[in-house]
Each structure stands twice: as structure tokens, then as C-alpha cells.
Amino acid sequence: AVVSTQSTGTSSPLLLCTVVARVMYCYQPNNHSVRNTPPIKVLDTMDLQKMDTTELIIRHYKEQSEERGERSTGAGVIDLKLSLKERRDGKAILFAKLLGARELIALDTNGKSDPFIQLQVVPHHLFPDCELKQSTVKKSTLEPIYNEMFEFIIPQDQICNGVLVLTVFDYDFISANDFEGEAMVRLTDLPRNSEQHVKWTMALHRPKQDSIYKILAGRVNDKVATKFVEIRRKAMEAEEFMLAESGASSTTGSKVSLAQRHGSES
């Protein structure tokens, strides 16, 4: 496409760059080896406080998925296959085949865990029809194998804002389930309309409370903000809880690249 920037006979390179940047922001070529979401501009707390709640939530998930780093915190890894297929009705189907997890943290007294994994497309206010999915519980293991398939129907025009969150819990029959770790992948990083599912190995992390979470936690009269905090509290406060329980030992472990691809498999 050719974009004209001439209104008075002179060109405007700045306008051209602005238009191109906006077009490319949500553009997703079929080559899945290219990350297409541009880095997020760093804002200070005062700028963040001026933003709308829904804008902050979108920004939170984008920052969390972008800032995972290249090494795990020793919380283990998840193996899965992902693909995104567009339909003619303006929707898309996100396929997620959960293969298993490895090197999980032992949270039970027997040196094992009873892990299960929840999958959800966020932000919730943009994907209200994407219900939370959950795997089966695998008893007494740190290397669970699932081989379970999940599907999400999502609007194509929100793919640029979508993030798939995978959260690992240790099932507890008596008390609340224990948070093990989470992994995130932006939908813009997935191949579209591929005939094959791409295998990913994703490092689990325990996120720390960021400025956005703290700002939204303070908006106690905002229903959207309080719902967000309710959903994210388990993950955002898990690191402090684990450090209090077991010291800094949770920061050691395997070194696994975040969302490291190992080729394509059908």
C-alpha cells in the first residue's frame, strides 16, 4: 500500500512513520519466527495513574509477557503446541495442546505435587467469551504428562491485545490450591492459518507486583479494577509468600529460554 503524506506539496516523514507504525502494530505475517509486537514505551508512575483502567490492564499483560526474561526462576517449564486459525466470520480459533510440564516445584510434604494447569485468554474485558480452561490433576509428580487439547474462540480484531496465560497450581483437597508459576505468550507471536501446531517450551515465572497492579489495587471503587486484582492476586503475591516460606531457594533452577521454539510438529 502507498501512503500519501502530501497535503500542501511537501512530504512529511514524521507523518509517514506514524502511519506505518500504527499499521504495523497489529500486523501479523504468517512467518511465526518473527515477533511482531513492538516494545512497550516505558512510562513513569504518574503517567500510569492518568490512564484508564482498561488501558492499564492491557498494558499490564503486554508488559508481563514481554519482560519474562530468558531464564526461568526454577519454577519449571511447560511444553505445548499452539496455532491460530482465522475464520470467515471475523473470529479465530486458538488451538492449544498441552503436552506436559517438567521440573516443577515440590509443594507437598512427600516431595511431590499434584499439578494441574489453567489456560485463559486475557485481558478478560476484551475476551469475555473465553472461559477459563483447566487440565486434569496429575497426582504425586513433578513431571506431569497431559496431552490435552483446548480451544478458544477469539475476535480477530483483538488478537493484537491478546495474551494466553498458563498457570500451574498444586491441587490441595483441604485448603486453597498452591500457585506454582505462570507462563504467557502474546497472540501476535503465534503463526496464523498454519497447517501445523508449533511446539513451544515456556519457562514458568512468579511475577512480582508491578506499578500497574498496585495502581489498580488502589481503585477500590472501580469494578473492572477490583475484578482484575482479584484474578491476578494469586500470581502477583505468590513470590512474596514463597520467599517468606522457603527463603530465596525458589530463585534457583533450570535455565530455559522463554517461549523457546523447537520447530513445528503437526
Protein backbone atom coordinates (compact mmCIF):
# COMPACT_ATOMS: atom_id res chain seq x y z
CA ALA A 1 0.00 0.00 0.00
CA VAL A 2 1.13 3.54 -0.72
CA VAL A 3 0.51 6.21 1.91
CA SER A 4 0.38 9.79 0.77
CA THR A 5 1.79 12.40 3.13
CA GLN A 6 1.48 15.37 0.81
CA SER A 7 -1.16 17.93 1.77
CA THR A 8 0.49 21.17 0.68
CA GLY A 9 3.03 19.89 -1.77
CA THR A 10 5.58 18.90 0.85
CA SER A 11 6.20 15.47 2.30
CA SER A 12 6.03 14.69 5.97
CA PRO A 13 8.40 11.89 7.05
CA LEU A 14 7.10 12.11 10.60
CA LEU A 15 3.50 11.52 9.50
CA LEU A 16 4.58 8.65 7.29
CA CYS A 17 6.42 6.99 10.19
CA THR A 18 3.39 7.44 12.44
CA VAL A 19 1.03 5.85 9.91
CA VAL A 20 3.38 2.94 9.25
CA ALA A 21 3.84 2.35 12.98
CA ARG A 22 0.11 2.19 13.55
CA VAL A 23 -0.41 -0.19 10.66
CA MET A 24 2.41 -2.48 11.77
CA TYR A 25 1.33 -2.55 15.43
CA CYS A 26 -1.28 -5.25 14.87
CA TYR A 27 0.09 -6.67 11.63
CA GLN A 28 0.86 -10.38 11.80
CA PRO A 29 2.58 -12.07 8.88
CA ASN A 30 2.36 -15.83 8.56
CA ASN A 31 6.04 -16.29 9.40
CA HIS A 32 5.89 -17.35 13.05
CA SER A 33 9.62 -16.87 13.59
CA VAL A 34 9.18 -13.08 13.75
CA ARG A 35 7.92 -11.30 16.85
CA ASN A 36 5.61 -8.56 15.62
CA THR A 37 4.58 -6.65 18.73
CA PRO A 38 6.74 -3.56 19.20
CA PRO A 39 8.41 -2.90 22.57
CA ILE A 40 6.24 -1.02 25.03
CA LYS A 41 7.27 2.54 25.87
CA VAL A 42 8.33 2.89 29.48
CA LEU A 43 6.08 5.23 31.49
CA ASP A 44 6.54 6.57 35.00
CA THR A 45 4.00 6.05 37.76
CA MET A 46 2.40 9.47 37.32
CA ASP A 47 1.73 8.79 33.64
CA LEU A 48 0.27 5.38 34.50
CA GLN A 49 -2.05 6.84 37.12
CA LYS A 50 -3.61 9.06 34.46
CA MET A 51 -4.53 6.08 32.29
CA ASP A 52 -7.91 4.42 32.07
CA THR A 53 -8.35 1.12 33.92
CA THR A 54 -8.88 -0.93 30.76
CA GLU A 55 -5.78 0.62 29.16
CA LEU A 56 -3.74 -0.25 32.24
CA ILE A 57 -4.92 -3.85 32.21
CA ILE A 58 -3.96 -4.26 28.55
CA ARG A 59 -0.59 -2.73 29.29
CA HIS A 60 -0.06 -4.97 32.33
CA TYR A 61 -0.42 -8.18 30.35
CA LYS A 62 1.72 -6.90 27.48
CA GLU A 63 4.48 -5.87 29.87
CA GLN A 64 4.28 -9.11 31.83
CA SER A 65 4.53 -11.20 28.66
CA GLU A 66 7.38 -9.05 27.33
CA GLU A 67 9.51 -8.87 30.46
CA ARG A 68 9.77 -12.54 31.33
CA GLY A 69 13.48 -12.67 30.62
CA GLU A 70 15.45 -15.52 29.14
CA ARG A 71 15.91 -17.68 32.23
CA SER A 72 13.41 -19.34 34.49
CA THR A 73 13.19 -18.80 38.23
CA GLY A 74 13.38 -22.51 38.89
CA ALA A 75 9.62 -22.97 38.81
CA GLY A 76 9.74 -25.44 35.90
CA VAL A 77 8.61 -25.37 32.28
CA ILE A 78 5.51 -26.15 30.22
CA ASP A 79 5.55 -27.95 26.87
CA LEU A 80 2.68 -27.31 24.48
CA LYS A 81 1.69 -26.82 20.83
CA LEU A 82 -0.08 -23.70 19.61
CA SER A 83 -1.74 -22.43 16.44
CA LEU A 84 -4.21 -19.73 15.45
CA LYS A 85 -6.70 -20.24 12.61
CA GLU A 86 -8.82 -17.41 11.25
CA ARG A 87 -12.44 -17.90 10.21
CA ARG A 88 -14.57 -16.00 7.73
CA ASP A 89 -16.92 -14.68 10.43
CA GLY A 90 -14.30 -12.38 11.97
CA LYS A 91 -13.39 -14.88 14.66
CA ALA A 92 -10.30 -17.02 15.12
CA ILE A 93 -9.69 -20.33 16.85
CA LEU A 94 -6.75 -20.62 19.19
CA PHE A 95 -5.65 -24.25 19.45
CA ALA A 96 -3.57 -25.19 22.49
CA LYS A 97 -2.42 -28.76 23.01
CA LEU A 98 -0.99 -29.07 26.49
CA LEU A 99 1.73 -31.73 26.36
CA GLY A 100 3.08 -31.59 29.90
CA ALA A 101 5.29 -29.83 32.41
CA ARG A 102 8.76 -30.53 33.78
CA GLU A 103 10.96 -29.66 36.75
CA LEU A 104 8.08 -28.36 38.84
CA ILE A 105 8.48 -27.30 42.46
CA ALA A 106 7.63 -29.85 45.15
CA LEU A 107 4.90 -28.27 47.27
CA ASP A 108 3.67 -31.36 49.14
CA THR A 109 5.31 -32.96 52.16
CA ASN A 110 6.08 -36.12 50.15
CA GLY A 111 8.44 -34.18 47.89
CA LYS A 112 5.94 -34.14 45.03
CA SER A 113 2.99 -32.06 43.83
CA ASP A 114 -0.45 -32.69 42.35
CA PRO A 115 -0.22 -30.27 39.42
CA PHE A 116 -2.94 -29.02 37.13
CA ILE A 117 -2.81 -26.17 34.62
CA GLN A 118 -5.31 -23.41 33.88
CA LEU A 119 -5.39 -21.69 30.49
CA GLN A 120 -7.06 -18.37 29.79
CA VAL A 121 -7.00 -15.65 27.15
CA VAL A 122 -6.72 -12.17 28.65
CA PRO A 123 -7.49 -9.29 29.21
CA HIS A 124 -10.84 -10.55 30.41
CA HIS A 125 -12.78 -7.43 29.43
CA LEU A 126 -11.68 -7.89 25.79
CA PHE A 127 -12.30 -11.66 25.72
CA PRO A 128 -15.41 -12.12 27.89
CA ASP A 129 -16.48 -15.24 25.97
CA CYS A 130 -13.15 -17.03 26.50
CA GLU A 131 -13.85 -19.16 29.54
CA LEU A 132 -11.03 -20.42 31.71
CA LYS A 133 -9.92 -23.94 30.73
CA GLN A 134 -8.37 -26.45 33.09
CA SER A 135 -6.40 -29.64 32.71
CA THR A 136 -6.82 -32.77 34.75
CA VAL A 137 -4.94 -33.16 38.04
CA LYS A 138 -1.86 -35.41 37.97
CA LYS A 139 -1.12 -36.96 41.33
CA SER A 140 2.29 -37.07 43.03
CA THR A 141 4.52 -35.94 40.21
CA LEU A 142 6.83 -33.11 39.17
CA GLU A 143 6.82 -34.23 35.54
CA PRO A 144 3.10 -34.40 34.58
CA ILE A 145 2.05 -35.55 31.11
CA TYR A 146 -1.32 -34.26 29.86
CA ASN A 147 -1.71 -34.46 26.06
CA GLU A 148 -4.95 -32.47 26.35
CA MET A 149 -6.39 -30.17 23.68
CA PHE A 150 -8.09 -26.85 24.34
CA GLU A 151 -9.76 -24.33 22.01
CA PHE A 152 -10.64 -20.66 22.38
CA ILE A 153 -12.84 -18.63 20.02
CA ILE A 154 -11.49 -15.08 19.88
CA PRO A 155 -12.28 -11.92 17.86
CA GLN A 156 -9.68 -11.32 15.16
CA ASP A 157 -9.64 -7.56 15.78
CA GLN A 158 -8.40 -8.13 19.34
CA ILE A 159 -5.57 -10.52 18.55
CA CYS A 160 -3.09 -7.65 18.85
CA ASN A 161 -4.12 -7.19 22.52
CA GLY A 162 -4.49 -10.84 23.50
CA VAL A 163 -2.26 -12.90 25.78
CA LEU A 164 -2.57 -16.59 26.60
CA VAL A 165 -1.81 -17.20 30.28
CA LEU A 166 -0.96 -20.68 31.57
CA THR A 167 -0.96 -21.06 35.34
CA VAL A 168 0.27 -24.13 37.20
CA PHE A 169 -1.29 -24.98 40.57
CA ASP A 170 -0.70 -27.72 43.10
CA TYR A 171 -4.08 -29.25 43.92
CA ASP A 172 -4.99 -29.31 47.60
CA PHE A 173 -8.13 -31.12 48.73
CA ILE A 174 -8.38 -29.37 52.10
CA SER A 175 -7.02 -25.84 51.64
CA ALA A 176 -6.57 -23.47 48.71
CA ASN A 177 -4.57 -24.67 45.72
CA ASP A 178 -0.94 -23.52 45.75
CA PHE A 179 0.39 -21.34 42.95
CA GLU A 180 3.44 -22.89 41.24
CA GLY A 181 4.13 -20.48 38.41
CA GLU A 182 2.77 -18.99 35.21
CA ALA A 183 3.78 -18.52 31.59
CA MET A 184 2.46 -16.10 28.99
CA VAL A 185 2.52 -15.86 25.22
CA ARG A 186 1.19 -12.97 23.15
CA LEU A 187 -1.23 -13.98 20.41
CA THR A 188 0.69 -11.81 17.94
CA ASP A 189 3.63 -14.22 18.31
CA LEU A 190 1.60 -17.18 17.07
CA PRO A 191 1.52 -18.30 13.42
CA ARG A 192 -1.79 -17.75 11.68
CA ASN A 193 -3.52 -20.27 9.44
CA SER A 194 -0.67 -22.74 9.64
CA GLU A 195 -1.41 -26.38 8.88
CA GLN A 196 0.81 -27.37 11.78
CA HIS A 197 0.83 -26.67 15.51
CA VAL A 198 4.11 -25.12 16.66
CA LYS A 199 5.77 -26.65 19.70
CA TRP A 200 6.74 -24.23 22.46
CA THR A 201 8.70 -24.72 25.68
CA MET A 202 7.74 -21.96 28.11
CA ALA A 203 9.52 -21.15 31.37
CA LEU A 204 7.32 -20.69 34.41
CA HIS A 205 7.69 -17.50 36.43
CA ARG A 206 6.41 -15.99 39.65
CA PRO A 207 5.76 -12.35 38.80
CA LYS A 208 6.36 -9.51 41.21
CA GLN A 209 3.84 -6.78 41.85
CA ASP A 210 4.31 -4.07 39.23
CA SER A 211 3.24 -0.43 39.32
CA ILE A 212 0.09 -1.14 37.33
CA TYR A 213 -1.08 -3.83 39.74
CA LYS A 214 -0.51 -1.51 42.69
CA ILE A 215 -2.38 1.36 40.98
CA LEU A 216 -5.36 -0.85 40.13
CA ALA A 217 -5.39 -2.33 43.64
CA GLY A 218 -5.96 1.20 44.87
CA ARG A 219 -9.01 1.74 42.66
CA VAL A 220 -11.33 0.04 45.11
CA ASN A 221 -14.48 1.65 43.68
CA ASP A 222 -13.73 0.51 40.13
CA LYS A 223 -15.41 -2.84 39.44
CA VAL A 224 -13.14 -3.65 36.49
CA ALA A 225 -10.03 -2.88 38.54
CA THR A 226 -11.18 -4.91 41.55
CA LYS A 227 -12.02 -7.88 39.32
CA PHE A 228 -8.57 -7.70 37.74
CA VAL A 229 -6.87 -7.58 41.15
CA GLU A 230 -8.98 -10.50 42.36
CA ILE A 231 -7.87 -12.60 39.38
CA ARG A 232 -4.20 -11.58 39.49
CA ARG A 233 -3.64 -11.56 43.26
CA LYS A 234 -2.72 -15.25 43.48
CA ALA A 235 0.10 -14.82 40.98
CA MET A 236 1.26 -11.31 41.91
CA GLU A 237 1.64 -12.10 45.61
CA ALA A 238 2.99 -15.64 45.27
CA GLU A 239 6.64 -14.59 45.12
CA GLU A 240 6.47 -12.78 48.45
CA PHE A 241 4.67 -15.74 50.01
CA MET A 242 7.20 -18.27 48.71
CA LEU A 243 10.16 -16.20 49.89
CA ALA A 244 8.61 -15.95 53.32
CA GLU A 245 8.06 -19.71 53.40
CA SER A 246 11.26 -21.05 51.91
CA GLY A 247 13.71 -18.17 51.55
CA ALA A 248 15.41 -17.36 48.31
CA SER A 249 15.81 -21.02 47.30
CA SER A 250 12.98 -20.64 44.81
CA THR A 251 15.19 -18.50 42.58
CA THR A 252 17.46 -21.42 41.62
CA GLY A 253 16.73 -23.98 38.96
CA SER A 254 16.94 -24.83 35.33
CA LYS A 255 17.81 -22.37 32.64
CA VAL A 256 15.20 -22.44 29.94
CA SER A 257 14.58 -19.79 27.32
CA LEU A 258 11.14 -18.25 27.48
CA ALA A 259 8.87 -19.49 24.72
CA GLN A 260 11.78 -21.27 23.08
CA ARG A 261 10.61 -22.87 19.87
CA HIS A 262 11.70 -26.37 18.92
CA GLY A 263 10.43 -26.46 15.36
CA SER A 264 6.99 -27.33 14.03
CA GLU A 265 5.05 -30.53 14.51
CA SER A 266 1.58 -31.42 13.42
